[in-house]
């Protein structure tokens, strides 16, 4: 990764200095969920509004979730994925 002159080191290096391995893992998991939700919705040809209508979850909440600007309850994530005929699965890291 390219070194950031403002930081004097790469983001990866700075991240490892600033955050614990647990915090990094939690952040990475949130990013993966965000990406998976957005990708699944787009692959199904659904707008956020359509997904909102299917689930009863506000479109603005779906938008915030996809953009990483909100945390959500696991029940809401399950409802969103179920509406797209998908399920969440826990797998060992690195798989």
PDB file of N, CA and C in Angstrom:
ATOM      1  N   UNK A   1       0.850  -1.171   0.000  1.00  0.00           N
ATOM      2  CA  UNK A   1       0.000   0.000   0.000  1.00  0.00           C
ATOM      3  C   UNK A   1       0.898   1.238   0.000  1.00  0.00           C
ATOM      4  N   UNK A   2       0.461   2.248  -0.735  1.00  0.00           N
ATOM      5  CA  UNK A   2       1.234   3.480  -0.852  1.00  0.00           C
ATOM      6  C   UNK A   2       1.285   4.220   0.487  1.00  0.00           C
ATOM      7  N   UNK A   3       2.444   4.768   0.765  1.00  0.00           N
ATOM      8  CA  UNK A   3       2.598   5.521   2.004  1.00  0.00           C
ATOM      9  C   UNK A   3       1.910   6.871   1.876  1.00  0.00           C
ATOM     10  N   UNK A   4       1.218   7.286   2.914  1.00  0.00           N
ATOM     11  CA  UNK A   4       0.543   8.567   2.959  1.00  0.00           C
ATOM     12  C   UNK A   4       1.493   9.567   3.602  1.00  0.00           C
ATOM     13  N   UNK A   5       1.879  10.585   2.846  1.00  0.00           N
ATOM     14  CA  UNK A   5       2.856  11.540   3.362  1.00  0.00           C
ATOM     15  C   UNK A   5       2.337  12.305   4.577  1.00  0.00           C
ATOM     16  N   UNK A   6       1.028  12.474   4.650  1.00  0.00           N
ATOM     17  CA  UNK A   6       0.461  13.177   5.804  1.00  0.00           C
ATOM     18  C   UNK A   6       0.597  12.339   7.074  1.00  0.00           C
ATOM     19  N   UNK A   7       0.498  11.036   6.920  1.00  0.00           N
ATOM     20  CA  UNK A   7       0.616  10.149   8.073  1.00  0.00           C
ATOM     21  C   UNK A   7       2.057   9.698   8.298  1.00  0.00           C
ATOM     22  N   UNK A   8       2.829   9.685   7.229  1.00  0.00           N
ATOM     23  CA  UNK A   8       4.192   9.177   7.324  1.00  0.00           C
ATOM     24  C   UNK A   8       4.250   7.660   7.281  1.00  0.00           C
ATOM     25  N   UNK A   9       3.108   7.032   7.013  1.00  0.00           N
ATOM     26  CA  UNK A   9       3.036   5.573   6.918  1.00  0.00           C
ATOM     27  C   UNK A   9       1.757   5.210   6.170  1.00  0.00           C
ATOM     28  N   UNK A  10       1.625   3.958   5.788  1.00  0.00           N
ATOM     29  CA  UNK A  10       0.423   3.521   5.083  1.00  0.00           C
ATOM     30  C   UNK A  10      -0.748   3.440   6.049  1.00  0.00           C
ATOM     31  N   UNK A  11      -1.981   3.427   5.487  1.00  0.00           N
ATOM     32  CA  UNK A  11      -3.166   3.289   6.324  1.00  0.00           C
ATOM     33  C   UNK A  11      -3.129   1.958   7.063  1.00  0.00           C
ATOM     34  N   UNK A  12      -2.677   0.902   6.394  1.00  0.00           N
ATOM     35  CA  UNK A  12      -2.608  -0.412   7.025  1.00  0.00           C
ATOM     36  C   UNK A  12      -1.721  -0.360   8.271  1.00  0.00           C
ATOM     37  N   UNK A  13      -0.571   0.307   8.167  1.00  0.00           N
ATOM     38  CA  UNK A  13       0.331   0.437   9.325  1.00  0.00           C
ATOM     39  C   UNK A  13      -0.321   1.270  10.423  1.00  0.00           C
ATOM     40  N   UNK A  14      -0.907   2.386  10.031  1.00  0.00           N
ATOM     41  CA  UNK A  14      -1.544   3.276  11.009  1.00  0.00           C
ATOM     42  C   UNK A  14      -2.702   2.561  11.698  1.00  0.00           C
ATOM     43  N   UNK A  15      -3.480   1.836  10.928  1.00  0.00           N
ATOM     44  CA  UNK A  15      -4.625   1.101  11.470  1.00  0.00           C
ATOM     45  C   UNK A  15      -4.174   0.088  12.524  1.00  0.00           C
ATOM     46  N   UNK A  16      -3.093  -0.611  12.251  1.00  0.00           N
ATOM     47  CA  UNK A  16      -2.589  -1.610  13.195  1.00  0.00           C
ATOM     48  C   UNK A  16      -2.047  -0.960  14.469  1.00  0.00           C
ATOM     49  N   UNK A  17      -1.560   0.262  14.361  1.00  0.00           N
ATOM     50  CA  UNK A  17      -1.066   0.975  15.537  1.00  0.00           C
ATOM     51  C   UNK A  17      -2.207   1.573  16.361  1.00  0.00           C
ATOM     52  N   UNK A  18      -3.267   1.977  15.681  1.00  0.00           N
ATOM     53  CA  UNK A  18      -4.358   2.678  16.352  1.00  0.00           C
ATOM     54  C   UNK A  18      -5.439   1.767  16.933  1.00  0.00           C
ATOM     55  N   UNK A  19      -5.620   0.589  16.328  1.00  0.00           N
ATOM     56  CA  UNK A  19      -6.731  -0.271  16.711  1.00  0.00           C
ATOM     57  C   UNK A  19      -6.252  -1.652  17.108  1.00  0.00           C
ATOM     58  N   UNK A  20      -7.001  -2.275  17.992  1.00  0.00           N
ATOM     59  CA  UNK A  20      -6.686  -3.643  18.419  1.00  0.00           C
ATOM     60  C   UNK A  20      -7.100  -4.615  17.306  1.00  0.00           C
ATOM     61  N   UNK A  21      -6.558  -5.819  17.314  1.00  0.00           N
ATOM     62  CA  UNK A  21      -6.980  -6.818  16.322  1.00  0.00           C
ATOM     63  C   UNK A  21      -8.494  -7.075  16.362  1.00  0.00           C
ATOM     64  N   UNK A  22      -9.080  -7.024  17.542  1.00  0.00           N
ATOM     65  CA  UNK A  22     -10.520  -7.233  17.674  1.00  0.00           C
ATOM     66  C   UNK A  22     -11.299  -6.098  17.014  1.00  0.00           C
ATOM     67  N   UNK A  23     -10.849  -4.864  17.202  1.00  0.00           N
ATOM     68  CA  UNK A  23     -11.522  -3.719  16.574  1.00  0.00           C
ATOM     69  C   UNK A  23     -11.400  -3.782  15.055  1.00  0.00           C
ATOM     70  N   UNK A  24     -10.248  -4.188  14.571  1.00  0.00           N
ATOM     71  CA  UNK A  24     -10.041  -4.309  13.128  1.00  0.00           C
ATOM     72  C   UNK A  24     -10.949  -5.405  12.568  1.00  0.00           C
ATOM     73  N   UNK A  25     -11.035  -6.539  13.242  1.00  0.00           N
ATOM     74  CA  UNK A  25     -11.890  -7.635  12.791  1.00  0.00           C
ATOM     75  C   UNK A  25     -13.361  -7.207  12.773  1.00  0.00           C
ATOM     76  N   UNK A  26     -13.794  -6.491  13.785  1.00  0.00           N
ATOM     77  CA  UNK A  26     -15.187  -6.026  13.847  1.00  0.00           C
ATOM     78  C   UNK A  26     -15.468  -5.040  12.711  1.00  0.00           C
ATOM     79  N   UNK A  27     -14.537  -4.143  12.459  1.00  0.00           N
ATOM     80  CA  UNK A  27     -14.695  -3.186  11.371  1.00  0.00           C
ATOM     81  C   UNK A  27     -14.762  -3.904  10.026  1.00  0.00           C
ATOM     82  N   UNK A  28     -13.878  -4.861   9.825  1.00  0.00           N
ATOM     83  CA  UNK A  28     -13.871  -5.623   8.573  1.00  0.00           C
ATOM     84  C   UNK A  28     -15.178  -6.383   8.380  1.00  0.00           C
ATOM     85  N   UNK A  29     -15.732  -6.929   9.458  1.00  0.00           N
ATOM     86  CA  UNK A  29     -16.998  -7.662   9.377  1.00  0.00           C
ATOM     87  C   UNK A  29     -18.139  -6.725   8.979  1.00  0.00           C
ATOM     88  N   UNK A  30     -18.162  -5.512   9.561  1.00  0.00           N
ATOM     89  CA  UNK A  30     -19.187  -4.535   9.197  1.00  0.00           C
ATOM     90  C   UNK A  30     -19.097  -4.170   7.730  1.00  0.00           C
ATOM     91  N   UNK A  31     -17.873  -3.962   7.242  1.00  0.00           N
ATOM     92  CA  UNK A  31     -17.673  -3.608   5.833  1.00  0.00           C
ATOM     93  C   UNK A  31     -18.149  -4.748   4.930  1.00  0.00           C
ATOM     94  N   UNK A  32     -17.833  -5.979   5.286  1.00  0.00           N
ATOM     95  CA  UNK A  32     -18.272  -7.126   4.485  1.00  0.00           C
ATOM     96  C   UNK A  32     -19.790  -7.215   4.422  1.00  0.00           C
ATOM     97  N   UNK A  33     -20.465  -6.989   5.544  1.00  0.00           N
ATOM     98  CA  UNK A  33     -21.930  -7.016   5.556  1.00  0.00           C
ATOM     99  C   UNK A  33     -22.516  -5.909   4.692  1.00  0.00           C
ATOM    100  N   UNK A  34     -21.958  -4.714   4.797  1.00  0.00           N
ATOM    101  CA  UNK A  34     -22.403  -3.574   3.998  1.00  0.00           C
ATOM    102  C   UNK A  34     -22.318  -3.887   2.515  1.00  0.00           C
ATOM    103  N   UNK A  35     -21.157  -4.398   2.116  1.00  0.00           N
ATOM    104  CA  UNK A  35     -20.918  -4.712   0.710  1.00  0.00           C
ATOM    105  C   UNK A  35     -21.851  -5.831   0.253  1.00  0.00           C
ATOM    106  N   UNK A  36     -22.004  -6.863   1.076  1.00  0.00           N
ATOM    107  CA  UNK A  36     -22.864  -7.994   0.712  1.00  0.00           C
ATOM    108  C   UNK A  36     -24.314  -7.543   0.538  1.00  0.00           C
ATOM    109  N   UNK A  37     -24.794  -6.702   1.423  1.00  0.00           N
ATOM    110  CA  UNK A  37     -26.170  -6.224   1.342  1.00  0.00           C
ATOM    111  C   UNK A  37     -26.384  -5.422   0.066  1.00  0.00           C
ATOM    112  N   UNK A  38     -25.519  -4.465  -0.185  1.00  0.00           N
ATOM    113  CA  UNK A  38     -25.643  -3.624  -1.366  1.00  0.00           C
ATOM    114  C   UNK A  38     -25.534  -4.451  -2.651  1.00  0.00           C
ATOM    115  N   UNK A  39     -24.569  -5.346  -2.690  1.00  0.00           N
ATOM    116  CA  UNK A  39     -24.360  -6.187  -3.871  1.00  0.00           C
ATOM    117  C   UNK A  39     -25.568  -7.085  -4.123  1.00  0.00           C
ATOM    118  N   UNK A  40     -26.089  -7.717  -3.079  1.00  0.00           N
ATOM    119  CA  UNK A  40     -27.245  -8.603  -3.224  1.00  0.00           C
ATOM    120  C   UNK A  40     -28.456  -7.831  -3.736  1.00  0.00           C
ATOM    121  N   UNK A  41     -28.674  -6.664  -3.182  1.00  0.00           N
ATOM    122  CA  UNK A  41     -29.824  -5.849  -3.597  1.00  0.00           C
ATOM    123  C   UNK A  41     -29.715  -5.491  -5.076  1.00  0.00           C
ATOM    124  N   UNK A  42     -28.538  -5.063  -5.484  1.00  0.00           N
ATOM    125  CA  UNK A  42     -28.332  -4.678  -6.889  1.00  0.00           C
ATOM    126  C   UNK A  42     -28.432  -5.877  -7.820  1.00  0.00           C
ATOM    127  N   UNK A  43     -27.897  -7.034  -7.401  1.00  0.00           N
ATOM    128  CA  UNK A  43     -27.976  -8.237  -8.228  1.00  0.00           C
ATOM    129  C   UNK A  43     -29.416  -8.698  -8.418  1.00  0.00           C
ATOM    130  N   UNK A  44     -30.264  -8.427  -7.427  1.00  0.00           N
ATOM    131  CA  UNK A  44     -31.681  -8.785  -7.521  1.00  0.00           C
ATOM    132  C   UNK A  44     -32.469  -7.728  -8.298  1.00  0.00           C
ATOM    133  N   UNK A  45     -31.791  -6.655  -8.680  1.00  0.00           N
ATOM    134  CA  UNK A  45     -32.449  -5.593  -9.444  1.00  0.00           C
ATOM    135  C   UNK A  45     -33.412  -4.765  -8.610  1.00  0.00           C
ATOM    136  N   UNK A  46     -33.153  -4.680  -7.318  1.00  0.00           N
ATOM    137  CA  UNK A  46     -34.031  -3.947  -6.408  1.00  0.00           C
ATOM    138  C   UNK A  46     -33.464  -2.579  -6.064  1.00  0.00           C
ATOM    139  N   UNK A  47     -34.345  -1.612  -5.953  1.00  0.00           N
ATOM    140  CA  UNK A  47     -33.945  -0.318  -5.411  1.00  0.00           C
ATOM    141  C   UNK A  47     -34.047  -0.403  -3.893  1.00  0.00           C
ATOM    142  N   UNK A  48     -33.461   0.554  -3.219  1.00  0.00           N
ATOM    143  CA  UNK A  48     -33.595   0.600  -1.765  1.00  0.00           C
ATOM    144  C   UNK A  48     -35.063   0.772  -1.380  1.00  0.00           C
ATOM    145  N   UNK A  49     -35.797   1.555  -2.162  1.00  0.00           N
ATOM    146  CA  UNK A  49     -37.221   1.771  -1.886  1.00  0.00           C
ATOM    147  C   UNK A  49     -37.996   0.463  -2.014  1.00  0.00           C
ATOM    148  N   UNK A  50     -37.713  -0.319  -3.046  1.00  0.00           N
ATOM    149  CA  UNK A  50     -38.400  -1.603  -3.206  1.00  0.00           C
ATOM    150  C   UNK A  50     -38.081  -2.549  -2.047  1.00  0.00           C
ATOM    151  N   UNK A  51     -36.816  -2.593  -1.651  1.00  0.00           N
ATOM    152  CA  UNK A  51     -36.426  -3.442  -0.533  1.00  0.00           C
ATOM    153  C   UNK A  51     -37.096  -2.965   0.753  1.00  0.00           C
ATOM    154  N   UNK A  52     -37.213  -1.669   0.888  1.00  0.00           N
ATOM    155  CA  UNK A  52     -37.900  -1.089   2.042  1.00  0.00           C
ATOM    156  C   UNK A  52     -39.355  -1.543   2.087  1.00  0.00           C
ATOM    157  N   UNK A  53     -40.020  -1.506   0.945  1.00  0.00           N
ATOM    158  CA  UNK A  53     -41.420  -1.918   0.871  1.00  0.00           C
ATOM    159  C   UNK A  53     -41.579  -3.404   1.179  1.00  0.00           C
ATOM    160  N   UNK A  54     -40.606  -4.209   0.794  1.00  0.00           N
ATOM    161  CA  UNK A  54     -40.664  -5.652   1.031  1.00  0.00           C
ATOM    162  C   UNK A  54     -40.453  -6.006   2.499  1.00  0.00           C
ATOM    163  N   UNK A  55     -39.673  -5.183   3.205  1.00  0.00           N
ATOM    164  CA  UNK A  55     -39.252  -5.523   4.561  1.00  0.00           C
ATOM    165  C   UNK A  55     -39.877  -4.674   5.660  1.00  0.00           C
ATOM    166  N   UNK A  56     -40.386  -3.510   5.307  1.00  0.00           N
ATOM    167  CA  UNK A  56     -40.892  -2.596   6.320  1.00  0.00           C
ATOM    168  C   UNK A  56     -39.782  -1.791   6.992  1.00  0.00           C
ATOM    169  N   UNK A  57     -38.568  -1.936   6.500  1.00  0.00           N
ATOM    170  CA  UNK A  57     -37.433  -1.161   7.025  1.00  0.00           C
ATOM    171  C   UNK A  57     -37.315   0.102   6.180  1.00  0.00           C
ATOM    172  N   UNK A  58     -37.215   1.248   6.825  1.00  0.00           N
ATOM    173  CA  UNK A  58     -37.183   2.513   6.094  1.00  0.00           C
ATOM    174  C   UNK A  58     -36.046   2.549   5.076  1.00  0.00           C
ATOM    175  N   UNK A  59     -36.324   3.150   3.924  1.00  0.00           N
ATOM    176  CA  UNK A  59     -35.319   3.284   2.865  1.00  0.00           C
ATOM    177  C   UNK A  59     -34.108   4.028   3.377  1.00  0.00           C
ATOM    178  N   UNK A  60     -34.317   5.042   4.180  1.00  0.00           N
ATOM    179  CA  UNK A  60     -33.195   5.814   4.705  1.00  0.00           C
ATOM    180  C   UNK A  60     -32.305   4.957   5.601  1.00  0.00           C
ATOM    181  N   UNK A  61     -32.907   4.015   6.342  1.00  0.00           N
ATOM    182  CA  UNK A  61     -32.122   3.110   7.189  1.00  0.00           C
ATOM    183  C   UNK A  61     -31.305   2.149   6.332  1.00  0.00           C
ATOM    184  N   UNK A  62     -31.885   1.673   5.229  1.00  0.00           N
ATOM    185  CA  UNK A  62     -31.151   0.796   4.312  1.00  0.00           C
ATOM    186  C   UNK A  62     -29.982   1.560   3.703  1.00  0.00           C
ATOM    187  N   UNK A  63     -30.214   2.786   3.309  1.00  0.00           N
ATOM    188  CA  UNK A  63     -29.157   3.618   2.741  1.00  0.00           C
ATOM    189  C   UNK A  63     -28.021   3.826   3.740  1.00  0.00           C
ATOM    190  N   UNK A  64     -28.370   4.175   4.972  1.00  0.00           N
ATOM    191  CA  UNK A  64     -27.339   4.392   5.999  1.00  0.00           C
ATOM    192  C   UNK A  64     -26.555   3.109   6.260  1.00  0.00           C
ATOM    193  N   UNK A  65     -27.243   1.994   6.279  1.00  0.00           N
ATOM    194  CA  UNK A  65     -26.582   0.713   6.508  1.00  0.00           C
ATOM    195  C   UNK A  65     -25.618   0.388   5.362  1.00  0.00           C
ATOM    196  N   UNK A  66     -26.077   0.543   4.130  1.00  0.00           N
ATOM    197  CA  UNK A  66     -25.227   0.257   2.972  1.00  0.00           C
ATOM    198  C   UNK A  66     -24.016   1.188   2.907  1.00  0.00           C
ATOM    199  N   UNK A  67     -24.167   2.400   3.417  1.00  0.00           N
ATOM    200  CA  UNK A  67     -23.067   3.368   3.376  1.00  0.00           C
ATOM    201  C   UNK A  67     -22.201   3.335   4.630  1.00  0.00           C
ATOM    202  N   UNK A  68     -22.515   2.443   5.552  1.00  0.00           N
ATOM    203  CA  UNK A  68     -21.710   2.311   6.756  1.00  0.00           C
ATOM    204  C   UNK A  68     -21.931   3.401   7.775  1.00  0.00           C
ATOM    205  N   UNK A  69     -23.067   4.068   7.689  1.00  0.00           N
ATOM    206  CA  UNK A  69     -23.350   5.175   8.600  1.00  0.00           C
ATOM    207  C   UNK A  69     -24.309   4.804   9.721  1.00  0.00           C
ATOM    208  N   UNK A  70     -24.561   3.504   9.878  1.00  0.00           N
ATOM    209  CA  UNK A  70     -25.487   3.086  10.939  1.00  0.00           C
ATOM    210  C   UNK A  70     -25.204   1.656  11.350  1.00  0.00           C
ATOM    211  N   UNK A  71     -25.520   1.369  12.557  1.00  0.00           N
ATOM    212  CA  UNK A  71     -25.516  -0.013  13.039  1.00  0.00           C
ATOM    213  C   UNK A  71     -26.962  -0.481  13.005  1.00  0.00           C
ATOM    214  N   UNK A  72     -27.156  -1.757  12.892  1.00  0.00           N
ATOM    215  CA  UNK A  72     -28.516  -2.275  12.866  1.00  0.00           C
ATOM    216  C   UNK A  72     -28.612  -3.537  13.696  1.00  0.00           C
ATOM    217  N   UNK A  73     -29.810  -3.894  14.033  1.00  0.00           N
ATOM    218  CA  UNK A  73     -30.065  -5.117  14.780  1.00  0.00           C
ATOM    219  C   UNK A  73     -29.904  -6.308  13.843  1.00  0.00           C
ATOM    220  N   UNK A  74     -29.472  -7.419  14.377  1.00  0.00           N
ATOM    221  CA  UNK A  74     -29.306  -8.634  13.588  1.00  0.00           C
ATOM    222  C   UNK A  74     -30.633  -9.042  12.955  1.00  0.00           C
ATOM    223  N   UNK A  75     -31.753  -8.819  13.653  1.00  0.00           N
ATOM    224  CA  UNK A  75     -33.068  -9.153  13.110  1.00  0.00           C
ATOM    225  C   UNK A  75     -33.343  -8.384  11.813  1.00  0.00           C
ATOM    226  N   UNK A  76     -32.915  -7.141  11.756  1.00  0.00           N
ATOM    227  CA  UNK A  76     -33.122  -6.342  10.546  1.00  0.00           C
ATOM    228  C   UNK A  76     -32.279  -6.872   9.395  1.00  0.00           C
ATOM    229  N   UNK A  77     -31.042  -7.243   9.682  1.00  0.00           N
ATOM    230  CA  UNK A  77     -30.194  -7.814   8.628  1.00  0.00           C
ATOM    231  C   UNK A  77     -30.789  -9.113   8.100  1.00  0.00           C
ATOM    232  N   UNK A  78     -31.263  -9.953   8.996  1.00  0.00           N
ATOM    233  CA  UNK A  78     -31.874 -11.223   8.585  1.00  0.00           C
ATOM    234  C   UNK A  78     -33.100 -10.944   7.708  1.00  0.00           C
ATOM    235  N   UNK A  79     -33.901  -9.972   8.113  1.00  0.00           N
ATOM    236  CA  UNK A  79     -35.100  -9.619   7.351  1.00  0.00           C
ATOM    237  C   UNK A  79     -34.720  -9.109   5.950  1.00  0.00           C
ATOM    238  N   UNK A  80     -33.685  -8.279   5.866  1.00  0.00           N
ATOM    239  CA  UNK A  80     -33.258  -7.740   4.572  1.00  0.00           C
ATOM    240  C   UNK A  80     -32.760  -8.848   3.646  1.00  0.00           C
ATOM    241  N   UNK A  81     -31.902  -9.718   4.161  1.00  0.00           N
ATOM    242  CA  UNK A  81     -31.377 -10.792   3.327  1.00  0.00           C
ATOM    243  C   UNK A  81     -32.478 -11.787   2.963  1.00  0.00           C
ATOM    244  N   UNK A  82     -33.371 -12.102   3.902  1.00  0.00           N
ATOM    245  CA  UNK A  82     -34.459 -13.049   3.633  1.00  0.00           C
ATOM    246  C   UNK A  82     -35.372 -12.533   2.516  1.00  0.00           C
ATOM    247  N   UNK A  83     -35.601 -11.233   2.491  1.00  0.00           N
ATOM    248  CA  UNK A  83     -36.437 -10.649   1.445  1.00  0.00           C
ATOM    249  C   UNK A  83     -35.828 -10.855   0.061  1.00  0.00           C
ATOM    250  N   UNK A  84     -34.520 -11.044   0.004  1.00  0.00           N
ATOM    251  CA  UNK A  84     -33.822 -11.274  -1.270  1.00  0.00           C
ATOM    252  C   UNK A  84     -33.523 -12.756  -1.474  1.00  0.00           C
ATOM    253  N   UNK A  85     -34.202 -13.594  -0.663  1.00  0.00           N
ATOM    254  CA  UNK A  85     -34.029 -15.049  -0.727  1.00  0.00           C
ATOM    255  C   UNK A  85     -32.579 -15.457  -0.458  1.00  0.00           C
ATOM    256  N   UNK A  86     -31.991 -14.821   0.525  1.00  0.00           N
ATOM    257  CA  UNK A  86     -30.616 -15.111   0.921  1.00  0.00           C
ATOM    258  C   UNK A  86     -30.589 -15.314   2.433  1.00  0.00           C
ATOM    259  N   UNK A  87     -29.529 -15.954   2.913  1.00  0.00           N
ATOM    260  CA  UNK A  87     -29.378 -16.101   4.356  1.00  0.00           C
ATOM    261  C   UNK A  87     -27.962 -15.698   4.740  1.00  0.00           C
ATOM    262  N   UNK A  88     -27.841 -15.287   5.979  1.00  0.00           N
ATOM    263  CA  UNK A  88     -26.522 -14.957   6.514  1.00  0.00           C
ATOM    264  C   UNK A  88     -25.904 -16.238   7.045  1.00  0.00           C
ATOM    265  N   UNK A  89     -24.600 -16.340   6.926  1.00  0.00           N
ATOM    266  CA  UNK A  89     -23.905 -17.540   7.384  1.00  0.00           C
ATOM    267  C   UNK A  89     -22.608 -17.125   8.047  1.00  0.00           C
ATOM    268  N   UNK A  90     -22.289 -17.778   9.134  1.00  0.00           N
ATOM    269  CA  UNK A  90     -21.041 -17.507   9.843  1.00  0.00           C
ATOM    270  C   UNK A  90     -20.032 -18.567   9.395  1.00  0.00           C
ATOM    271  N   UNK A  91     -18.889 -18.100   8.949  1.00  0.00           N
ATOM    272  CA  UNK A  91     -17.833 -19.018   8.499  1.00  0.00           C
ATOM    273  C   UNK A  91     -16.522 -18.619   9.174  1.00  0.00           C
ATOM    274  N   UNK A  92     -15.604 -19.544   9.329  1.00  0.00           N
ATOM    275  CA  UNK A  92     -14.318 -19.217   9.921  1.00  0.00           C
ATOM    276  C   UNK A  92     -13.605 -18.137   9.084  1.00  0.00           C
ATOM    277  N   UNK A  93     -12.864 -17.292   9.758  1.00  0.00           N
ATOM    278  CA  UNK A  93     -12.132 -16.233   9.051  1.00  0.00           C
ATOM    279  C   UNK A  93     -11.113 -16.880   8.125  1.00  0.00           C
ATOM    280  N   UNK A  94     -10.903 -16.223   6.995  1.00  0.00           N
ATOM    281  CA  UNK A  94      -9.915 -16.706   6.039  1.00  0.00           C
ATOM    282  C   UNK A  94     -10.455 -17.766   5.092  1.00  0.00           C
ATOM    283  N   UNK A  95     -11.766 -18.006   5.177  1.00  0.00           N
ATOM    284  CA  UNK A  95     -12.384 -19.014   4.295  1.00  0.00           C
ATOM    285  C   UNK A  95     -13.023 -18.323   3.130  1.00  0.00           C
TER     286      UNK A  95
END
